[in-house]
Amino acid sequence: MIGNYRVITLCGSTRFKDAFMEAQKRLTLDGNIVISVGLFGHSGDAEVWENMDEGTLTKTKEMLDDMHKRKIDLSDGIYVINVGGYIGESTGSEIEYARMTGKSIQYLEPVGED
């Protein structure tokens, strides 16, 4: 927490840009500091990827994945944008990282925990 505010990092597929924006607004109005993605590679921001060679693309994706885990480090917990129950590989690794580091985990839509 910072002051009286919980810090929450949004996680999920960037194809759900509208859901990210809605969650960011709602969580902020609920009194949280919200950390989100830096770009929406699957639903806009195509110019980021269009002229990259494969090696640069791979390094950039690795950097963004690592950067998002550092955002989780700064947070009290994560909020997973799992529209339609979708959780991809990157989001799955972020959830696992949050679990391993003792962060709280909330979901947009209910999930069956094992």
C-alpha atoms as a PDB file:
ATOM      1  CA  MET A   1       0.000   0.000   0.000  1.00  0.00           C
ATOM      2  CA  ILE A   2       1.001   3.550  -0.567  1.00  0.00           C
ATOM      3  CA  GLY A   3      -0.695   5.785   1.968  1.00  0.00           C
ATOM      4  CA  ASN A   4      -4.232   4.475   2.210  1.00  0.00           C
ATOM      5  CA  TYR A   5      -4.242   3.101  -1.333  1.00  0.00           C
ATOM      6  CA  ARG A   6      -3.768  -0.474  -2.489  1.00  0.00           C
ATOM      7  CA  VAL A   7      -1.647  -0.827  -5.615  1.00  0.00           C
ATOM      8  CA  ILE A   8      -3.107  -3.170  -8.230  1.00  0.00           C
ATOM      9  CA  THR A   9      -1.565  -4.275 -11.516  1.00  0.00           C
ATOM     10  CA  LEU A  10      -3.897  -5.216 -14.353  1.00  0.00           C
ATOM     11  CA  CYS A  11      -3.028  -8.444 -16.178  1.00  0.00           C
ATOM     12  CA  GLY A  12      -4.638 -10.044 -19.211  1.00  0.00           C
ATOM     13  CA  SER A  13      -4.601 -10.225 -22.962  1.00  0.00           C
ATOM     14  CA  THR A  14      -4.174  -6.848 -24.579  1.00  0.00           C
ATOM     15  CA  ARG A  15      -6.885  -7.819 -27.074  1.00  0.00           C
ATOM     16  CA  PHE A  16      -9.325  -6.757 -24.315  1.00  0.00           C
ATOM     17  CA  LYS A  17      -8.443  -3.055 -24.407  1.00  0.00           C
ATOM     18  CA  ASP A  18     -11.963  -1.869 -23.559  1.00  0.00           C
ATOM     19  CA  ALA A  19     -12.120  -4.177 -20.529  1.00  0.00           C
ATOM     20  CA  PHE A  20      -8.702  -2.897 -19.371  1.00  0.00           C
ATOM     21  CA  MET A  21      -9.870   0.709 -19.611  1.00  0.00           C
ATOM     22  CA  GLU A  22     -13.130  -0.025 -17.783  1.00  0.00           C
ATOM     23  CA  ALA A  23     -11.357  -1.938 -14.983  1.00  0.00           C
ATOM     24  CA  GLN A  24      -8.772   0.819 -14.631  1.00  0.00           C
ATOM     25  CA  LYS A  25     -11.501   3.443 -14.185  1.00  0.00           C
ATOM     26  CA  ARG A  26     -13.564   1.357 -11.765  1.00  0.00           C
ATOM     27  CA  LEU A  27     -10.607   0.281  -9.602  1.00  0.00           C
ATOM     28  CA  THR A  28      -9.290   3.851  -9.493  1.00  0.00           C
ATOM     29  CA  LEU A  29     -12.673   5.192  -8.384  1.00  0.00           C
ATOM     30  CA  ASP A  30     -12.735   2.442  -5.743  1.00  0.00           C
ATOM     31  CA  GLY A  31      -9.603   4.043  -4.248  1.00  0.00           C
ATOM     32  CA  ASN A  32      -6.772   1.978  -5.746  1.00  0.00           C
ATOM     33  CA  ILE A  33      -3.585   2.981  -7.511  1.00  0.00           C
ATOM     34  CA  VAL A  34      -3.783   1.076 -10.791  1.00  0.00           C
ATOM     35  CA  ILE A  35      -0.814   0.017 -12.913  1.00  0.00           C
ATOM     36  CA  SER A  36      -1.676  -1.141 -16.424  1.00  0.00           C
ATOM     37  CA  VAL A  37       0.036  -2.283 -19.600  1.00  0.00           C
ATOM     38  CA  GLY A  38       2.197   0.170 -21.525  1.00  0.00           C
ATOM     39  CA  LEU A  39       0.659  -0.651 -24.898  1.00  0.00           C
ATOM     40  CA  PHE A  40      -2.066  -2.744 -26.461  1.00  0.00           C
ATOM     41  CA  GLY A  41      -0.226  -4.940 -28.921  1.00  0.00           C
ATOM     42  CA  HIS A  42      -3.264  -7.064 -29.794  1.00  0.00           C
ATOM     43  CA  SER A  43      -5.844  -4.293 -30.123  1.00  0.00           C
ATOM     44  CA  GLY A  44      -4.164  -1.204 -31.417  1.00  0.00           C
ATOM     45  CA  ASP A  45      -0.550  -0.052 -31.241  1.00  0.00           C
ATOM     46  CA  ALA A  46       0.207  -2.158 -34.333  1.00  0.00           C
ATOM     47  CA  GLU A  47       2.854   0.376 -35.355  1.00  0.00           C
ATOM     48  CA  VAL A  48       4.990  -0.914 -32.488  1.00  0.00           C
ATOM     49  CA  TRP A  49       5.395  -4.308 -34.135  1.00  0.00           C
ATOM     50  CA  GLU A  50       5.030  -3.732 -37.865  1.00  0.00           C
ATOM     51  CA  ASN A  51       8.658  -2.949 -38.786  1.00  0.00           C
ATOM     52  CA  MET A  52      10.447  -5.210 -36.293  1.00  0.00           C
ATOM     53  CA  ASP A  53      12.553  -8.120 -37.420  1.00  0.00           C
ATOM     54  CA  GLU A  54      11.944 -11.437 -35.640  1.00  0.00           C
ATOM     55  CA  GLY A  55      14.908 -11.064 -33.260  1.00  0.00           C
ATOM     56  CA  THR A  56      13.907  -7.571 -32.152  1.00  0.00           C
ATOM     57  CA  LEU A  57      10.290  -8.675 -31.807  1.00  0.00           C
ATOM     58  CA  THR A  58      11.291 -11.560 -29.538  1.00  0.00           C
ATOM     59  CA  LYS A  59      13.512  -9.333 -27.379  1.00  0.00           C
ATOM     60  CA  THR A  60      10.813  -6.684 -27.106  1.00  0.00           C
ATOM     61  CA  LYS A  61       8.168  -9.218 -26.054  1.00  0.00           C
ATOM     62  CA  GLU A  62      10.571 -10.677 -23.467  1.00  0.00           C
ATOM     63  CA  MET A  63      11.289  -7.183 -22.130  1.00  0.00           C
ATOM     64  CA  LEU A  64       7.578  -6.350 -21.874  1.00  0.00           C
ATOM     65  CA  ASP A  65       6.839  -9.651 -20.077  1.00  0.00           C
ATOM     66  CA  ASP A  66       9.668  -8.999 -17.600  1.00  0.00           C
ATOM     67  CA  MET A  67       8.589  -5.382 -17.138  1.00  0.00           C
ATOM     68  CA  HIS A  68       5.064  -6.504 -16.287  1.00  0.00           C
ATOM     69  CA  LYS A  69       6.435  -8.794 -13.577  1.00  0.00           C
ATOM     70  CA  ARG A  70       8.324  -5.819 -12.130  1.00  0.00           C
ATOM     71  CA  LYS A  71       4.980  -3.971 -12.058  1.00  0.00           C
ATOM     72  CA  ILE A  72       3.589  -6.910 -10.072  1.00  0.00           C
ATOM     73  CA  ASP A  73       6.560  -6.537  -7.689  1.00  0.00           C
ATOM     74  CA  LEU A  74       5.423  -2.955  -7.010  1.00  0.00           C
ATOM     75  CA  SER A  75       1.847  -4.062  -6.344  1.00  0.00           C
ATOM     76  CA  ASP A  76      -0.191  -5.426  -3.487  1.00  0.00           C
ATOM     77  CA  GLY A  77      -2.065  -7.608  -5.942  1.00  0.00           C
ATOM     78  CA  ILE A  78      -3.202  -8.202  -9.494  1.00  0.00           C
ATOM     79  CA  TYR A  79      -6.541  -7.913 -11.225  1.00  0.00           C
ATOM     80  CA  VAL A  80      -6.917 -10.346 -14.125  1.00  0.00           C
ATOM     81  CA  ILE A  81      -8.881  -9.229 -17.177  1.00  0.00           C
ATOM     82  CA  ASN A  82     -10.185 -12.674 -18.207  1.00  0.00           C
ATOM     83  CA  VAL A  83     -12.959 -11.805 -20.641  1.00  0.00           C
ATOM     84  CA  GLY A  84     -14.902 -14.954 -21.498  1.00  0.00           C
ATOM     85  CA  GLY A  85     -12.631 -16.857 -19.122  1.00  0.00           C
ATOM     86  CA  TYR A  86      -9.648 -16.393 -21.438  1.00  0.00           C
ATOM     87  CA  ILE A  87      -6.230 -16.593 -19.800  1.00  0.00           C
ATOM     88  CA  GLY A  88      -3.313 -16.874 -22.228  1.00  0.00           C
ATOM     89  CA  GLU A  89       0.226 -18.076 -21.612  1.00  0.00           C
ATOM     90  CA  SER A  90       1.687 -14.698 -20.576  1.00  0.00           C
ATOM     91  CA  THR A  91      -1.204 -13.952 -18.240  1.00  0.00           C
ATOM     92  CA  GLY A  92      -0.939 -17.445 -16.780  1.00  0.00           C
ATOM     93  CA  SER A  93       2.734 -16.844 -15.995  1.00  0.00           C
ATOM     94  CA  GLU A  94       1.840 -13.503 -14.367  1.00  0.00           C
ATOM     95  CA  ILE A  95      -0.791 -15.200 -12.190  1.00  0.00           C
ATOM     96  CA  GLU A  96       1.720 -17.841 -11.145  1.00  0.00           C
ATOM     97  CA  TYR A  97       4.307 -15.141 -10.393  1.00  0.00           C
ATOM     98  CA  ALA A  98       1.771 -13.239  -8.275  1.00  0.00           C
ATOM     99  CA  ARG A  99       1.000 -16.447  -6.352  1.00  0.00           C
ATOM    100  CA  MET A 100       4.684 -17.175  -5.775  1.00  0.00           C
ATOM    101  CA  THR A 101       5.300 -13.658  -4.471  1.00  0.00           C
ATOM    102  CA  GLY A 102       2.287 -13.590  -2.140  1.00  0.00           C
ATOM    103  CA  LYS A 103       0.193 -11.069  -4.063  1.00  0.00           C
ATOM    104  CA  SER A 104      -3.593 -11.051  -3.939  1.00  0.00           C
ATOM    105  CA  ILE A 105      -5.335 -12.135  -7.137  1.00  0.00           C
ATOM    106  CA  GLN A 106      -8.743 -10.946  -8.306  1.00  0.00           C
ATOM    107  CA  TYR A 107     -10.508 -11.767 -11.562  1.00  0.00           C
ATOM    108  CA  LEU A 108     -12.924  -9.864 -13.763  1.00  0.00           C
ATOM    109  CA  GLU A 109     -14.915 -13.076 -14.300  1.00  0.00           C
ATOM    110  CA  PRO A 110     -15.160 -16.017 -11.900  1.00  0.00           C
ATOM    111  CA  VAL A 111     -12.667 -18.841 -12.389  1.00  0.00           C
ATOM    112  CA  GLY A 112     -12.565 -22.391 -11.124  1.00  0.00           C
ATOM    113  CA  GLU A 113      -9.483 -22.645  -8.884  1.00  0.00           C
ATOM    114  CA  ASP A 114      -7.822 -26.024  -8.593  1.00  0.00           C
END
